[in-house]
Amino acid sequence: GNILSPSFPSNYGSGLSCIWIITVSESSYVQLKFNSFDVYEMDSPVCTRDRLEVSSINPHEGTATTSLGAYCNTNPPKGPIESLWNMLRVTFITDTTISAQGFWLSYRGIQYQVDIQLNKSLTSENFSFKDHISFCILDIHFRLFAWLG
């Protein structure tokens, strides 16, 4: 899907507070990609004027969220943003001063992948078996993405 700031590609208005909740299947996470991004901030890297806030929502803890970042022209998204769970909240807040073009983002659900790796590097040298036995260890890693930058 797509989310566009109000009036995009024209400048957005002042005094806005817009919230979008994206939910995908429980076996997936949400990925955001920015196609266009122009959210006004004069000079603060912490986005105190206009900003786009992105939070991952934990569906198992009600409305508990984990912030994935606040973005503006002085701190733009540096690539795709991926949720921790299957729900994501996007909040767009503007003040009453200067506005800009805004944003256009695309989102999609990506199914978690299970990576199975066989590790045959452990041997039975520390055990009292007569034969030399190799053990296979099954490592299952769920691919859970946190915002790592």
C-alpha atoms as a PDB file:
ATOM      1  CA  GLY A   1       0.000   0.000   0.000  1.00  0.00           C
ATOM      2  CA  ASN A   2       0.877   3.691  -0.024  1.00  0.00           C
ATOM      3  CA  ILE A   3       0.599   6.529   2.465  1.00  0.00           C
ATOM      4  CA  LEU A   4       0.872  10.149   1.353  1.00  0.00           C
ATOM      5  CA  SER A   5       0.961  13.236   3.535  1.00  0.00           C
ATOM      6  CA  PRO A   6      -2.134  15.448   3.171  1.00  0.00           C
ATOM      7  CA  SER A   7      -2.106  17.418  -0.129  1.00  0.00           C
ATOM      8  CA  PHE A   8       0.983  15.591  -1.466  1.00  0.00           C
ATOM      9  CA  PRO A   9       2.664  16.526  -3.828  1.00  0.00           C
ATOM     10  CA  SER A  10       1.605  20.052  -2.820  1.00  0.00           C
ATOM     11  CA  ASN A  11       2.697  21.328   0.599  1.00  0.00           C
ATOM     12  CA  TYR A  12       0.919  19.916   3.636  1.00  0.00           C
ATOM     13  CA  GLY A  13      -1.020  22.160   6.017  1.00  0.00           C
ATOM     14  CA  SER A  14      -0.140  23.399   9.494  1.00  0.00           C
ATOM     15  CA  GLY A  15      -1.303  22.047  12.832  1.00  0.00           C
ATOM     16  CA  LEU A  16      -1.749  18.476  11.574  1.00  0.00           C
ATOM     17  CA  SER A  17      -1.776  15.308  13.626  1.00  0.00           C
ATOM     18  CA  CYS A  18      -2.348  12.283  11.378  1.00  0.00           C
ATOM     19  CA  ILE A  19      -2.085   8.645  12.453  1.00  0.00           C
ATOM     20  CA  TRP A  20      -2.013   5.549  10.261  1.00  0.00           C
ATOM     21  CA  ILE A  21      -1.982   2.005  11.694  1.00  0.00           C
ATOM     22  CA  ILE A  22      -0.668  -0.713   9.373  1.00  0.00           C
ATOM     23  CA  THR A  23      -1.464  -4.336  10.247  1.00  0.00           C
ATOM     24  CA  VAL A  24      -0.238  -7.387   8.343  1.00  0.00           C
ATOM     25  CA  SER A  25      -0.630 -11.123   9.069  1.00  0.00           C
ATOM     26  CA  GLU A  26       0.771 -12.383  12.376  1.00  0.00           C
ATOM     27  CA  SER A  27       3.533 -14.300  10.584  1.00  0.00           C
ATOM     28  CA  SER A  28       4.832 -11.101   8.953  1.00  0.00           C
ATOM     29  CA  TYR A  29       6.444  -7.764   9.724  1.00  0.00           C
ATOM     30  CA  VAL A  30       5.901  -4.384   8.047  1.00  0.00           C
ATOM     31  CA  GLN A  31       8.475  -2.738   5.800  1.00  0.00           C
ATOM     32  CA  LEU A  32       8.250   0.980   4.882  1.00  0.00           C
ATOM     33  CA  LYS A  33      10.079   2.441   1.872  1.00  0.00           C
ATOM     34  CA  PHE A  34      10.175   6.178   1.212  1.00  0.00           C
ATOM     35  CA  ASN A  35       9.583   7.248  -2.376  1.00  0.00           C
ATOM     36  CA  SER A  36       9.656  10.984  -1.549  1.00  0.00           C
ATOM     37  CA  PHE A  37      10.472  12.762   1.720  1.00  0.00           C
ATOM     38  CA  ASP A  38      10.393  16.516   2.460  1.00  0.00           C
ATOM     39  CA  VAL A  39       9.313  17.279   6.042  1.00  0.00           C
ATOM     40  CA  TYR A  40      10.319  20.731   7.303  1.00  0.00           C
ATOM     41  CA  GLU A  41      12.818  21.248  10.103  1.00  0.00           C
ATOM     42  CA  MET A  42      14.978  24.344  10.366  1.00  0.00           C
ATOM     43  CA  ASP A  43      18.139  22.989  11.987  1.00  0.00           C
ATOM     44  CA  SER A  44      17.420  20.552  14.822  1.00  0.00           C
ATOM     45  CA  PRO A  45      18.458  16.917  14.252  1.00  0.00           C
ATOM     46  CA  VAL A  46      15.783  15.779  16.751  1.00  0.00           C
ATOM     47  CA  CYS A  47      12.874  17.003  14.593  1.00  0.00           C
ATOM     48  CA  THR A  48      11.121  19.428  16.944  1.00  0.00           C
ATOM     49  CA  ARG A  49       8.926  21.164  14.336  1.00  0.00           C
ATOM     50  CA  ASP A  50       7.325  18.923  11.711  1.00  0.00           C
ATOM     51  CA  ARG A  51       8.043  15.210  11.965  1.00  0.00           C
ATOM     52  CA  LEU A  52       7.071  11.728  10.937  1.00  0.00           C
ATOM     53  CA  GLU A  53       7.200   9.292  13.848  1.00  0.00           C
ATOM     54  CA  VAL A  54       7.300   5.539  13.272  1.00  0.00           C
ATOM     55  CA  SER A  55       6.569   3.014  16.037  1.00  0.00           C
ATOM     56  CA  SER A  56       6.221  -0.748  16.112  1.00  0.00           C
ATOM     57  CA  ILE A  57       3.123  -1.934  17.996  1.00  0.00           C
ATOM     58  CA  ASN A  58       3.339  -5.123  20.039  1.00  0.00           C
ATOM     59  CA  PRO A  59      -0.049  -6.817  19.486  1.00  0.00           C
ATOM     60  CA  HIS A  60       0.536  -9.065  22.516  1.00  0.00           C
ATOM     61  CA  GLU A  61       0.798  -6.107  24.907  1.00  0.00           C
ATOM     62  CA  GLY A  62      -2.177  -3.990  23.888  1.00  0.00           C
ATOM     63  CA  THR A  63      -0.982  -0.573  22.798  1.00  0.00           C
ATOM     64  CA  ALA A  64       2.672  -0.951  23.871  1.00  0.00           C
ATOM     65  CA  THR A  65       4.946   0.565  21.237  1.00  0.00           C
ATOM     66  CA  THR A  66       8.646   0.729  20.444  1.00  0.00           C
ATOM     67  CA  SER A  67       9.830   3.876  18.674  1.00  0.00           C
ATOM     68  CA  LEU A  68      11.684   3.234  15.428  1.00  0.00           C
ATOM     69  CA  GLY A  69      12.472   6.909  14.932  1.00  0.00           C
ATOM     70  CA  ALA A  70      11.301  10.456  14.300  1.00  0.00           C
ATOM     71  CA  TYR A  71      12.151  11.816  10.861  1.00  0.00           C
ATOM     72  CA  CYS A  72      12.385  15.241   9.194  1.00  0.00           C
ATOM     73  CA  ASN A  73      14.668  16.969   6.662  1.00  0.00           C
ATOM     74  CA  THR A  74      17.566  17.166   9.144  1.00  0.00           C
ATOM     75  CA  ASN A  75      17.106  13.497  10.123  1.00  0.00           C
ATOM     76  CA  PRO A  76      15.624  11.717   7.079  1.00  0.00           C
ATOM     77  CA  PRO A  77      15.026   7.958   6.889  1.00  0.00           C
ATOM     78  CA  LYS A  78      18.208   6.315   5.623  1.00  0.00           C
ATOM     79  CA  GLY A  79      16.592   3.286   4.051  1.00  0.00           C
ATOM     80  CA  PRO A  80      13.659   0.958   4.585  1.00  0.00           C
ATOM     81  CA  ILE A  81      12.182   0.840   8.098  1.00  0.00           C
ATOM     82  CA  GLU A  82      11.059  -2.537   9.415  1.00  0.00           C
ATOM     83  CA  SER A  83       8.706  -3.223  12.313  1.00  0.00           C
ATOM     84  CA  LEU A  84       9.429  -5.588  15.181  1.00  0.00           C
ATOM     85  CA  TRP A  85       5.957  -7.135  15.013  1.00  0.00           C
ATOM     86  CA  ASN A  86       3.074  -7.229  12.553  1.00  0.00           C
ATOM     87  CA  MET A  87       1.718  -3.766  13.427  1.00  0.00           C
ATOM     88  CA  LEU A  88       3.204  -0.343  12.729  1.00  0.00           C
ATOM     89  CA  ARG A  89       2.025   3.170  13.620  1.00  0.00           C
ATOM     90  CA  VAL A  90       2.960   6.138  11.437  1.00  0.00           C
ATOM     91  CA  THR A  91       2.273   9.573  12.970  1.00  0.00           C
ATOM     92  CA  PHE A  92       2.665  12.845  11.079  1.00  0.00           C
ATOM     93  CA  ILE A  93       2.783  15.997  13.218  1.00  0.00           C
ATOM     94  CA  THR A  94       3.193  19.566  11.949  1.00  0.00           C
ATOM     95  CA  ASP A  95       3.496  22.878  13.739  1.00  0.00           C
ATOM     96  CA  THR A  96       1.944  26.167  12.657  1.00  0.00           C
ATOM     97  CA  THR A  97       4.937  27.637  10.809  1.00  0.00           C
ATOM     98  CA  ILE A  98       6.547  26.670   7.490  1.00  0.00           C
ATOM     99  CA  SER A  99       5.399  23.572   5.625  1.00  0.00           C
ATOM    100  CA  ALA A 100       6.958  21.461   2.873  1.00  0.00           C
ATOM    101  CA  GLN A 101       5.925  18.900   0.261  1.00  0.00           C
ATOM    102  CA  GLY A 102       5.619  16.047   2.749  1.00  0.00           C
ATOM    103  CA  PHE A 103       6.100  12.377   2.038  1.00  0.00           C
ATOM    104  CA  TRP A 104       5.034   9.419  -0.019  1.00  0.00           C
ATOM    105  CA  LEU A 105       5.827   6.017   1.407  1.00  0.00           C
ATOM    106  CA  SER A 106       5.044   2.462   0.370  1.00  0.00           C
ATOM    107  CA  TYR A 107       4.488  -0.383   2.800  1.00  0.00           C
ATOM    108  CA  ARG A 108       4.277  -4.147   2.551  1.00  0.00           C
ATOM    109  CA  GLY A 109       4.114  -7.174   4.774  1.00  0.00           C
ATOM    110  CA  ILE A 110       7.070  -9.544   4.637  1.00  0.00           C
ATOM    111  CA  GLN A 111       6.726 -13.039   6.049  1.00  0.00           C
ATOM    112  CA  TYR A 112       9.243 -13.999   8.722  1.00  0.00           C
ATOM    113  CA  GLN A 113      11.831 -16.459   7.443  1.00  0.00           C
ATOM    114  CA  VAL A 114      13.185 -19.339   9.448  1.00  0.00           C
ATOM    115  CA  ASP A 115      16.833 -20.057   8.727  1.00  0.00           C
ATOM    116  CA  ILE A 116      17.905 -23.613   9.567  1.00  0.00           C
ATOM    117  CA  GLN A 117      21.624 -24.240   9.773  1.00  0.00           C
ATOM    118  CA  LEU A 118      23.360 -27.525  10.492  1.00  0.00           C
ATOM    119  CA  ASN A 119      26.589 -27.125  12.405  1.00  0.00           C
ATOM    120  CA  LYS A 120      28.833 -30.224  12.294  1.00  0.00           C
ATOM    121  CA  SER A 121      31.869 -28.674  13.949  1.00  0.00           C
ATOM    122  CA  LEU A 122      31.342 -30.241  17.411  1.00  0.00           C
ATOM    123  CA  THR A 123      32.795 -33.682  18.089  1.00  0.00           C
ATOM    124  CA  SER A 124      32.599 -36.192  20.914  1.00  0.00           C
ATOM    125  CA  GLU A 125      36.232 -35.884  22.056  1.00  0.00           C
ATOM    126  CA  ASN A 126      35.111 -34.928  25.572  1.00  0.00           C
ATOM    127  CA  PHE A 127      32.900 -37.978  25.921  1.00  0.00           C
ATOM    128  CA  SER A 128      33.765 -41.615  26.683  1.00  0.00           C
ATOM    129  CA  PHE A 129      32.385 -43.106  23.496  1.00  0.00           C
ATOM    130  CA  LYS A 130      34.607 -45.609  21.681  1.00  0.00           C
ATOM    131  CA  ASP A 131      33.757 -44.237  18.282  1.00  0.00           C
ATOM    132  CA  HIS A 132      34.346 -40.702  17.224  1.00  0.00           C
ATOM    133  CA  ILE A 133      30.833 -39.247  16.866  1.00  0.00           C
ATOM    134  CA  SER A 134      29.934 -35.973  15.228  1.00  0.00           C
ATOM    135  CA  PHE A 135      26.933 -34.110  16.492  1.00  0.00           C
ATOM    136  CA  CYS A 136      24.666 -31.938  14.462  1.00  0.00           C
ATOM    137  CA  ILE A 137      23.236 -28.919  16.148  1.00  0.00           C
ATOM    138  CA  LEU A 138      20.060 -27.526  14.716  1.00  0.00           C
ATOM    139  CA  ASP A 139      20.016 -23.762  15.044  1.00  0.00           C
ATOM    140  CA  ILE A 140      16.729 -22.090  14.306  1.00  0.00           C
ATOM    141  CA  HIS A 141      16.904 -18.342  13.923  1.00  0.00           C
ATOM    142  CA  PHE A 142      13.784 -16.292  13.446  1.00  0.00           C
ATOM    143  CA  ARG A 143      14.442 -13.251  11.333  1.00  0.00           C
ATOM    144  CA  LEU A 144      13.150 -10.432  13.533  1.00  0.00           C
ATOM    145  CA  PHE A 145      14.182  -7.022  12.313  1.00  0.00           C
ATOM    146  CA  ALA A 146      14.784  -4.159  14.625  1.00  0.00           C
ATOM    147  CA  TRP A 147      15.803  -0.821  13.262  1.00  0.00           C
ATOM    148  CA  LEU A 148      19.561  -1.148  13.078  1.00  0.00           C
ATOM    149  CA  GLY A 149      20.247   1.839  10.934  1.00  0.00           C
END
